[in-house]
């Protein structure tokens, strides 16, 4: 999904108009909706500073907007190959199903990846169990890593209150 599609998707998820988003990031009343429509359609590409403003307004991380090009299966495969190379994830089979696993032999990288994947798995499990809504799950994902830091702070406060 291209950046414009991500902007449109998350803007719609947040229930805000192109005009509102455009005004919030600093466009004039006359051009706000037109400029956002141009970014969403892909006829223009926002520069890094504007991506940050859009992400802040949508309350997501810039990484949620700058998704790698995975619009094709080939692009997806090369993204997975890059993840294997950079982060040590491995393709494997578990109980007859293909899965991606974290390679324990990668020491520091293993610990870092587990530290990131475990909270994702916990939130996905909460969604599957009905403890949180799809909206809450999506909100966590699209605001990551900010959402995870907030979740950790909340857990720490609760722990202190229970002591």
N, C-alpha and C. Protein backbone atom coordinates (compact mmCIF):
# COMPACT_ATOMS: atom_id res chain seq x y z
N UNK A 1 0.84 -1.17 0.00
CA UNK A 1 0.00 0.00 0.00
C UNK A 1 0.89 1.24 0.00
N UNK A 2 0.67 2.14 -0.93
CA UNK A 2 1.47 3.36 -1.05
C UNK A 2 1.12 4.34 0.09
N UNK A 3 1.98 5.34 0.27
CA UNK A 3 1.79 6.28 1.38
C UNK A 3 0.45 7.00 1.29
N UNK A 4 0.02 7.38 0.09
CA UNK A 4 -1.27 8.05 -0.05
C UNK A 4 -2.42 7.17 0.37
N UNK A 5 -2.34 5.91 0.01
CA UNK A 5 -3.38 4.96 0.42
C UNK A 5 -3.39 4.79 1.94
N UNK A 6 -2.20 4.79 2.54
CA UNK A 6 -2.11 4.66 4.00
C UNK A 6 -2.72 5.89 4.67
N UNK A 7 -2.42 7.08 4.12
CA UNK A 7 -2.98 8.30 4.68
C UNK A 7 -4.50 8.23 4.62
N UNK A 8 -5.06 7.88 3.46
CA UNK A 8 -6.51 7.79 3.29
C UNK A 8 -7.10 6.76 4.25
N UNK A 9 -6.47 5.60 4.32
CA UNK A 9 -6.98 4.52 5.18
C UNK A 9 -7.05 4.99 6.63
N UNK A 10 -5.96 5.56 7.13
CA UNK A 10 -5.93 5.95 8.54
C UNK A 10 -6.80 7.19 8.78
N UNK A 11 -6.84 8.12 7.83
CA UNK A 11 -7.71 9.29 7.94
C UNK A 11 -9.17 8.82 8.07
N UNK A 12 -9.57 7.90 7.22
CA UNK A 12 -10.94 7.37 7.29
C UNK A 12 -11.18 6.60 8.60
N UNK A 13 -10.17 5.86 9.03
CA UNK A 13 -10.26 5.14 10.30
C UNK A 13 -10.49 6.11 11.45
N UNK A 14 -9.87 7.27 11.37
CA UNK A 14 -10.01 8.30 12.41
C UNK A 14 -11.30 9.12 12.24
N UNK A 15 -11.95 8.97 11.08
CA UNK A 15 -13.21 9.68 10.85
C UNK A 15 -13.05 11.16 10.59
N UNK A 16 -11.94 11.55 9.96
CA UNK A 16 -11.73 12.97 9.67
C UNK A 16 -11.72 13.21 8.17
N UNK A 17 -12.02 14.43 7.78
CA UNK A 17 -12.09 14.78 6.37
C UNK A 17 -10.72 15.20 5.83
N UNK A 18 -10.62 15.20 4.52
CA UNK A 18 -9.40 15.69 3.88
C UNK A 18 -9.16 17.15 4.26
N UNK A 19 -10.23 17.92 4.27
CA UNK A 19 -10.13 19.36 4.60
C UNK A 19 -9.58 19.54 6.01
N UNK A 20 -10.13 18.81 6.97
CA UNK A 20 -9.68 18.92 8.36
C UNK A 20 -8.19 18.58 8.46
N UNK A 21 -7.79 17.47 7.85
CA UNK A 21 -6.39 17.05 7.89
C UNK A 21 -5.50 18.12 7.25
N UNK A 22 -5.91 18.60 6.09
CA UNK A 22 -5.13 19.63 5.40
C UNK A 22 -4.96 20.89 6.22
N UNK A 23 -6.03 21.32 6.87
CA UNK A 23 -5.95 22.52 7.72
C UNK A 23 -5.02 22.29 8.91
N UNK A 24 -5.13 21.10 9.53
CA UNK A 24 -4.30 20.78 10.70
C UNK A 24 -2.81 20.75 10.38
N UNK A 25 -2.46 20.36 9.15
CA UNK A 25 -1.03 20.29 8.81
C UNK A 25 -0.52 21.60 8.22
N UNK A 26 -1.42 22.60 8.09
CA UNK A 26 -0.95 23.93 7.71
C UNK A 26 -1.31 24.44 6.33
N UNK A 27 -2.14 23.74 5.60
CA UNK A 27 -2.56 24.23 4.29
C UNK A 27 -3.66 25.27 4.48
N UNK A 28 -3.80 26.14 3.49
CA UNK A 28 -4.83 27.17 3.56
C UNK A 28 -6.21 26.55 3.40
N UNK A 29 -7.22 27.28 3.83
CA UNK A 29 -8.60 26.82 3.72
C UNK A 29 -8.96 26.51 2.26
N UNK A 30 -8.40 27.30 1.35
CA UNK A 30 -8.71 27.15 -0.07
C UNK A 30 -8.12 25.88 -0.67
N UNK A 31 -6.96 25.43 -0.17
CA UNK A 31 -6.26 24.30 -0.80
C UNK A 31 -6.16 23.04 0.06
N UNK A 32 -6.63 23.10 1.30
CA UNK A 32 -6.40 22.00 2.25
C UNK A 32 -6.89 20.65 1.72
N UNK A 33 -8.14 20.58 1.29
CA UNK A 33 -8.68 19.29 0.84
C UNK A 33 -8.05 18.85 -0.49
N UNK A 34 -7.75 19.81 -1.36
CA UNK A 34 -7.15 19.49 -2.66
C UNK A 34 -5.78 18.86 -2.46
N UNK A 35 -4.96 19.47 -1.59
CA UNK A 35 -3.61 18.95 -1.36
C UNK A 35 -3.65 17.54 -0.77
N UNK A 36 -4.51 17.32 0.21
CA UNK A 36 -4.60 15.98 0.80
C UNK A 36 -5.10 14.98 -0.24
N UNK A 37 -6.06 15.39 -1.05
CA UNK A 37 -6.56 14.51 -2.12
C UNK A 37 -5.43 14.15 -3.09
N UNK A 38 -4.56 15.10 -3.38
CA UNK A 38 -3.43 14.82 -4.27
C UNK A 38 -2.48 13.81 -3.66
N UNK A 39 -2.23 13.91 -2.37
CA UNK A 39 -1.35 12.93 -1.70
C UNK A 39 -2.01 11.56 -1.67
N UNK A 40 -3.30 11.55 -1.36
CA UNK A 40 -4.00 10.27 -1.27
C UNK A 40 -4.13 9.57 -2.62
N UNK A 41 -4.24 10.35 -3.68
CA UNK A 41 -4.35 9.75 -5.02
C UNK A 41 -3.00 9.35 -5.59
N UNK A 42 -1.93 9.83 -4.98
CA UNK A 42 -0.59 9.51 -5.47
C UNK A 42 -0.08 10.47 -6.52
N UNK A 43 -0.84 11.52 -6.84
CA UNK A 43 -0.36 12.49 -7.84
C UNK A 43 0.73 13.38 -7.26
N UNK A 44 0.80 13.48 -5.94
CA UNK A 44 1.89 14.18 -5.24
C UNK A 44 2.36 13.29 -4.10
N UNK A 45 3.62 13.45 -3.72
CA UNK A 45 4.17 12.69 -2.61
C UNK A 45 4.63 13.67 -1.53
N UNK A 46 4.15 13.50 -0.31
CA UNK A 46 4.55 14.44 0.75
C UNK A 46 6.02 14.26 1.13
N UNK A 47 6.67 15.38 1.43
CA UNK A 47 8.05 15.35 1.91
C UNK A 47 8.06 14.91 3.38
N UNK A 48 9.25 14.58 3.86
CA UNK A 48 9.40 14.00 5.21
C UNK A 48 8.79 14.87 6.30
N UNK A 49 8.99 16.20 6.24
CA UNK A 49 8.44 17.06 7.29
C UNK A 49 6.92 17.07 7.27
N UNK A 50 6.32 16.98 6.10
CA UNK A 50 4.87 16.93 6.01
C UNK A 50 4.35 15.57 6.47
N UNK A 51 5.08 14.51 6.17
CA UNK A 51 4.69 13.18 6.65
C UNK A 51 4.63 13.19 8.17
N UNK A 52 5.61 13.85 8.81
CA UNK A 52 5.60 13.93 10.28
C UNK A 52 4.37 14.67 10.78
N UNK A 53 4.01 15.79 10.13
CA UNK A 53 2.83 16.55 10.53
C UNK A 53 1.55 15.72 10.35
N UNK A 54 1.47 15.04 9.22
CA UNK A 54 0.29 14.20 8.96
C UNK A 54 0.20 13.09 10.01
N UNK A 55 1.34 12.44 10.29
CA UNK A 55 1.36 11.37 11.28
C UNK A 55 0.95 11.89 12.66
N UNK A 56 1.46 13.06 13.04
CA UNK A 56 1.08 13.65 14.33
C UNK A 56 -0.42 13.93 14.38
N UNK A 57 -0.94 14.50 13.30
CA UNK A 57 -2.37 14.82 13.26
C UNK A 57 -3.23 13.57 13.33
N UNK A 58 -2.80 12.50 12.64
CA UNK A 58 -3.54 11.25 12.64
C UNK A 58 -3.25 10.41 13.88
N UNK A 59 -2.29 10.87 14.70
CA UNK A 59 -1.87 10.16 15.91
C UNK A 59 -1.38 8.76 15.59
N UNK A 60 -0.47 8.68 14.62
CA UNK A 60 0.20 7.44 14.26
C UNK A 60 1.69 7.72 14.14
N UNK A 61 2.49 6.68 14.10
CA UNK A 61 3.91 6.87 13.86
C UNK A 61 4.13 7.08 12.36
N UNK A 62 5.20 7.75 12.01
CA UNK A 62 5.51 7.96 10.59
C UNK A 62 5.72 6.62 9.89
N UNK A 63 6.20 5.63 10.63
CA UNK A 63 6.41 4.31 10.04
C UNK A 63 5.10 3.67 9.60
N UNK A 64 4.00 4.02 10.25
CA UNK A 64 2.70 3.48 9.83
C UNK A 64 2.28 4.03 8.48
N UNK A 65 2.79 5.21 8.12
CA UNK A 65 2.50 5.79 6.81
C UNK A 65 3.51 5.35 5.77
N UNK A 66 4.77 5.26 6.14
CA UNK A 66 5.83 4.89 5.21
C UNK A 66 6.00 3.37 5.15
N UNK A 67 4.97 2.69 4.75
CA UNK A 67 5.00 1.24 4.67
C UNK A 67 5.83 0.83 3.46
N UNK A 68 6.66 -0.20 3.59
CA UNK A 68 7.43 -0.67 2.43
C UNK A 68 6.50 -1.10 1.30
N UNK A 69 7.03 -1.11 0.10
CA UNK A 69 6.23 -1.49 -1.06
C UNK A 69 5.97 -2.99 -1.05
N UNK A 70 4.81 -3.35 -0.53
CA UNK A 70 4.44 -4.76 -0.49
C UNK A 70 3.17 -5.00 -1.30
N UNK A 71 2.96 -4.14 -2.30
CA UNK A 71 1.75 -4.24 -3.12
C UNK A 71 1.77 -5.42 -4.09
N UNK A 72 2.91 -6.04 -4.25
CA UNK A 72 2.97 -7.22 -5.11
C UNK A 72 3.56 -8.37 -4.28
N UNK A 73 3.27 -9.58 -4.71
CA UNK A 73 3.83 -10.73 -4.00
C UNK A 73 5.35 -10.74 -4.09
N UNK A 74 5.88 -10.30 -5.21
CA UNK A 74 7.35 -10.23 -5.35
C UNK A 74 7.90 -9.20 -4.37
N UNK A 75 7.25 -8.03 -4.29
CA UNK A 75 7.68 -7.01 -3.34
C UNK A 75 7.60 -7.50 -1.91
N UNK A 76 6.53 -8.23 -1.60
CA UNK A 76 6.38 -8.80 -0.27
C UNK A 76 7.51 -9.79 0.03
N UNK A 77 7.80 -10.65 -0.94
CA UNK A 77 8.86 -11.64 -0.73
C UNK A 77 10.21 -10.95 -0.50
N UNK A 78 10.49 -9.91 -1.27
CA UNK A 78 11.77 -9.23 -1.08
C UNK A 78 11.81 -8.47 0.24
N UNK A 79 10.66 -8.00 0.70
CA UNK A 79 10.60 -7.39 2.03
C UNK A 79 10.91 -8.45 3.09
N UNK A 80 10.35 -9.64 2.95
CA UNK A 80 10.63 -10.73 3.90
C UNK A 80 12.10 -11.15 3.83
N UNK A 81 12.67 -11.18 2.62
CA UNK A 81 14.09 -11.53 2.49
C UNK A 81 14.95 -10.49 3.22
N UNK A 82 14.58 -9.21 3.06
CA UNK A 82 15.34 -8.14 3.74
C UNK A 82 15.22 -8.27 5.25
N UNK A 83 14.03 -8.65 5.73
CA UNK A 83 13.84 -8.85 7.17
C UNK A 83 14.70 -10.02 7.65
N UNK A 84 14.77 -11.05 6.84
CA UNK A 84 15.64 -12.18 7.20
C UNK A 84 17.08 -11.71 7.31
N UNK A 85 17.53 -10.95 6.34
CA UNK A 85 18.93 -10.48 6.33
C UNK A 85 19.22 -9.51 7.47
N UNK A 86 18.32 -8.57 7.70
CA UNK A 86 18.57 -7.52 8.68
C UNK A 86 18.31 -7.94 10.12
N UNK A 87 17.29 -8.79 10.32
CA UNK A 87 16.84 -9.07 11.67
C UNK A 87 16.91 -10.53 12.08
N UNK A 88 17.37 -11.38 11.19
CA UNK A 88 17.57 -12.77 11.55
C UNK A 88 16.33 -13.61 11.65
N UNK A 89 15.21 -13.14 11.10
CA UNK A 89 14.02 -13.98 11.10
C UNK A 89 14.23 -15.12 10.11
N UNK A 90 13.66 -16.26 10.41
CA UNK A 90 13.85 -17.44 9.57
C UNK A 90 12.52 -18.05 9.19
N UNK A 91 12.45 -18.59 8.00
CA UNK A 91 11.28 -19.33 7.55
C UNK A 91 11.40 -20.74 8.10
N UNK A 92 10.29 -21.31 8.55
CA UNK A 92 10.34 -22.62 9.19
C UNK A 92 8.97 -23.28 9.06
N UNK A 93 8.88 -24.49 9.59
CA UNK A 93 7.61 -25.21 9.65
C UNK A 93 7.37 -25.60 11.10
N UNK A 94 6.15 -25.37 11.56
CA UNK A 94 5.77 -25.71 12.92
C UNK A 94 4.40 -26.37 12.87
N UNK A 95 4.33 -27.59 13.33
CA UNK A 95 3.07 -28.36 13.30
C UNK A 95 2.45 -28.37 11.90
N UNK A 96 3.29 -28.51 10.90
CA UNK A 96 2.83 -28.61 9.53
C UNK A 96 2.46 -27.29 8.87
N UNK A 97 2.64 -26.17 9.59
CA UNK A 97 2.34 -24.86 9.03
C UNK A 97 3.62 -24.08 8.84
N UNK A 98 3.68 -23.34 7.74
CA UNK A 98 4.83 -22.47 7.51
C UNK A 98 4.73 -21.29 8.45
N UNK A 99 5.83 -20.95 9.07
CA UNK A 99 5.86 -19.81 9.99
C UNK A 99 7.19 -19.08 9.86
N UNK A 100 7.24 -17.93 10.45
CA UNK A 100 8.49 -17.17 10.53
C UNK A 100 8.86 -17.14 12.00
N UNK A 101 10.11 -17.45 12.27
CA UNK A 101 10.55 -17.50 13.67
C UNK A 101 11.76 -16.61 13.87
N UNK A 102 12.02 -16.31 15.12
CA UNK A 102 13.19 -15.53 15.49
C UNK A 102 14.31 -16.50 15.81
N UNK A 103 15.46 -16.28 15.22
CA UNK A 103 16.61 -17.17 15.40
C UNK A 103 17.28 -16.89 16.74
N UNK A 104 17.20 -17.85 17.67
CA UNK A 104 17.79 -17.71 19.01
C UNK A 104 19.30 -17.49 18.99
N UNK A 105 19.95 -17.98 17.96
CA UNK A 105 21.41 -17.90 17.91
C UNK A 105 21.91 -16.49 17.58
N UNK A 106 20.99 -15.56 17.35
CA UNK A 106 21.41 -14.20 17.01
C UNK A 106 21.58 -13.30 18.23
N UNK A 107 21.60 -13.85 19.43
CA UNK A 107 21.91 -13.12 20.65
C UNK A 107 21.12 -11.83 20.84
N UNK A 108 21.83 -10.70 20.71
CA UNK A 108 21.22 -9.39 20.93
C UNK A 108 20.01 -9.19 20.02
N UNK A 109 20.15 -9.55 18.76
CA UNK A 109 19.05 -9.34 17.81
C UNK A 109 17.84 -10.18 18.22
N UNK A 110 18.07 -11.38 18.70
CA UNK A 110 16.99 -12.24 19.18
C UNK A 110 16.23 -11.54 20.31
N UNK A 111 16.96 -11.05 21.29
CA UNK A 111 16.33 -10.39 22.44
C UNK A 111 15.55 -9.15 22.00
N UNK A 112 16.12 -8.37 21.09
CA UNK A 112 15.45 -7.17 20.59
C UNK A 112 14.16 -7.54 19.86
N UNK A 113 14.24 -8.54 18.99
CA UNK A 113 13.06 -8.95 18.22
C UNK A 113 11.98 -9.53 19.13
N UNK A 114 12.36 -10.36 20.08
CA UNK A 114 11.38 -10.93 21.01
C UNK A 114 10.73 -9.80 21.80
N UNK A 115 11.52 -8.81 22.19
CA UNK A 115 10.99 -7.67 22.93
C UNK A 115 9.96 -6.88 22.13
N UNK A 116 10.06 -6.90 20.82
CA UNK A 116 9.09 -6.20 19.97
C UNK A 116 7.93 -7.10 19.59
N UNK A 117 8.20 -8.37 19.32
CA UNK A 117 7.15 -9.28 18.85
C UNK A 117 6.22 -9.73 19.97
N UNK A 118 6.76 -9.88 21.17
CA UNK A 118 5.92 -10.37 22.27
C UNK A 118 4.75 -9.43 22.56
N UNK A 119 4.96 -8.11 22.65
CA UNK A 119 3.81 -7.22 22.86
C UNK A 119 2.79 -7.30 21.72
N UNK A 120 3.26 -7.47 20.49
CA UNK A 120 2.35 -7.61 19.36
C UNK A 120 1.49 -8.86 19.53
N UNK A 121 2.15 -9.96 19.90
CA UNK A 121 1.42 -11.22 20.10
C UNK A 121 0.43 -11.06 21.24
N UNK A 122 0.82 -10.36 22.31
CA UNK A 122 -0.09 -10.15 23.44
C UNK A 122 -1.32 -9.36 23.03
N UNK A 123 -1.12 -8.30 22.25
CA UNK A 123 -2.25 -7.48 21.81
C UNK A 123 -3.13 -8.27 20.83
N UNK A 124 -2.52 -9.04 19.94
CA UNK A 124 -3.28 -9.86 19.01
C UNK A 124 -4.10 -10.90 19.77
N UNK A 125 -3.52 -11.46 20.81
CA UNK A 125 -4.22 -12.45 21.64
C UNK A 125 -5.40 -11.80 22.36
N UNK A 126 -5.21 -10.60 22.87
CA UNK A 126 -6.30 -9.89 23.52
C UNK A 126 -7.44 -9.64 22.54
N UNK A 127 -7.09 -9.30 21.32
CA UNK A 127 -8.13 -9.10 20.30
C UNK A 127 -8.86 -10.41 20.00
N UNK A 128 -8.09 -11.48 19.80
CA UNK A 128 -8.70 -12.79 19.51
C UNK A 128 -9.61 -13.26 20.65
N UNK A 129 -9.23 -12.95 21.89
CA UNK A 129 -10.00 -13.36 23.06
C UNK A 129 -11.17 -12.44 23.36
N UNK A 130 -11.30 -11.36 22.61
CA UNK A 130 -12.40 -10.43 22.84
C UNK A 130 -12.16 -9.46 23.97
N UNK A 131 -10.92 -9.38 24.47
CA UNK A 131 -10.60 -8.46 25.56
C UNK A 131 -10.50 -7.02 25.07
N UNK A 132 -10.17 -6.83 23.80
CA UNK A 132 -10.13 -5.51 23.19
C UNK A 132 -10.84 -5.58 21.83
N UNK A 133 -11.27 -4.43 21.35
CA UNK A 133 -11.95 -4.37 20.06
C UNK A 133 -10.94 -4.30 18.91
N UNK A 134 -11.43 -4.50 17.70
CA UNK A 134 -10.58 -4.35 16.52
C UNK A 134 -10.02 -2.93 16.46
N UNK A 135 -10.83 -1.96 16.81
CA UNK A 135 -10.38 -0.57 16.80
C UNK A 135 -9.23 -0.36 17.79
N UNK A 136 -9.35 -0.95 18.97
CA UNK A 136 -8.27 -0.81 19.96
C UNK A 136 -6.99 -1.51 19.48
N UNK A 137 -7.16 -2.66 18.85
CA UNK A 137 -6.01 -3.39 18.31
C UNK A 137 -5.35 -2.57 17.19
N UNK A 138 -6.16 -2.06 16.27
CA UNK A 138 -5.61 -1.25 15.18
C UNK A 138 -4.95 0.01 15.71
N UNK A 139 -5.58 0.64 16.71
CA UNK A 139 -5.00 1.84 17.30
C UNK A 139 -3.62 1.53 17.86
N UNK A 140 -3.48 0.40 18.55
CA UNK A 140 -2.17 0.02 19.10
C UNK A 140 -1.16 -0.15 17.97
N UNK A 141 -1.56 -0.87 16.91
CA UNK A 141 -0.63 -1.13 15.80
C UNK A 141 -0.22 0.15 15.08
N UNK A 142 -1.16 1.01 14.80
CA UNK A 142 -0.85 2.20 13.99
C UNK A 142 -0.11 3.27 14.78
N UNK A 143 -0.17 3.20 16.10
CA UNK A 143 0.55 4.17 16.92
C UNK A 143 1.86 3.61 17.46
N UNK A 144 2.17 2.36 17.16
CA UNK A 144 3.41 1.73 17.61
C UNK A 144 4.59 2.55 17.09
N UNK A 145 5.60 2.83 17.87
CA UNK A 145 5.96 2.35 19.22
C UNK A 145 5.39 3.20 20.35
N UNK A 146 4.81 4.37 20.02
CA UNK A 146 4.25 5.22 21.06
C UNK A 146 3.22 4.48 21.90
N UNK A 147 2.37 3.70 21.25
CA UNK A 147 1.33 2.96 21.97
C UNK A 147 1.92 1.96 22.95
N UNK A 148 3.03 1.35 22.58
CA UNK A 148 3.65 0.36 23.47
C UNK A 148 4.27 1.05 24.67
N UNK A 149 4.88 2.21 24.47
CA UNK A 149 5.45 2.96 25.59
C UNK A 149 4.33 3.38 26.55
N UNK A 150 3.20 3.82 26.01
CA UNK A 150 2.06 4.19 26.85
C UNK A 150 1.52 2.99 27.61
N UNK A 151 1.46 1.85 26.94
CA UNK A 151 0.97 0.62 27.58
C UNK A 151 1.91 0.22 28.72
N UNK A 152 3.21 0.32 28.51
CA UNK A 152 4.18 -0.01 29.55
C UNK A 152 4.07 0.93 30.74
N UNK A 153 3.87 2.23 30.47
CA UNK A 153 3.71 3.20 31.55
C UNK A 153 2.46 2.89 32.38
N UNK A 154 1.37 2.53 31.71
CA UNK A 154 0.12 2.19 32.39
C UNK A 154 0.31 0.96 33.26
N UNK A 155 0.98 -0.06 32.74
CA UNK A 155 1.22 -1.29 33.52
C UNK A 155 2.09 -0.99 34.74
N UNK A 156 3.08 -0.11 34.57
CA UNK A 156 3.96 0.26 35.68
C UNK A 156 3.17 0.99 36.77
N UNK A 157 2.28 1.92 36.37
CA UNK A 157 1.44 2.64 37.33
C UNK A 157 0.55 1.68 38.10
N UNK A 158 -0.07 0.72 37.36
CA UNK A 158 -0.95 -0.25 37.99
C UNK A 158 -0.17 -1.12 38.99
N UNK A 159 1.03 -1.48 38.61
CA UNK A 159 1.86 -2.31 39.49
C UNK A 159 2.18 -1.55 40.78
N UNK A 160 2.52 -0.26 40.66
CA UNK A 160 2.84 0.56 41.83
C UNK A 160 1.61 0.73 42.72
N UNK A 161 0.43 0.89 42.10
CA UNK A 161 -0.80 1.05 42.86
C UNK A 161 -1.15 -0.22 43.64
N UNK A 162 -0.80 -1.37 43.08
CA UNK A 162 -1.12 -2.66 43.72
C UNK A 162 -0.12 -3.03 44.81
N UNK A 163 0.99 -2.32 44.89
CA UNK A 163 2.01 -2.65 45.90
C UNK A 163 1.68 -2.09 47.24
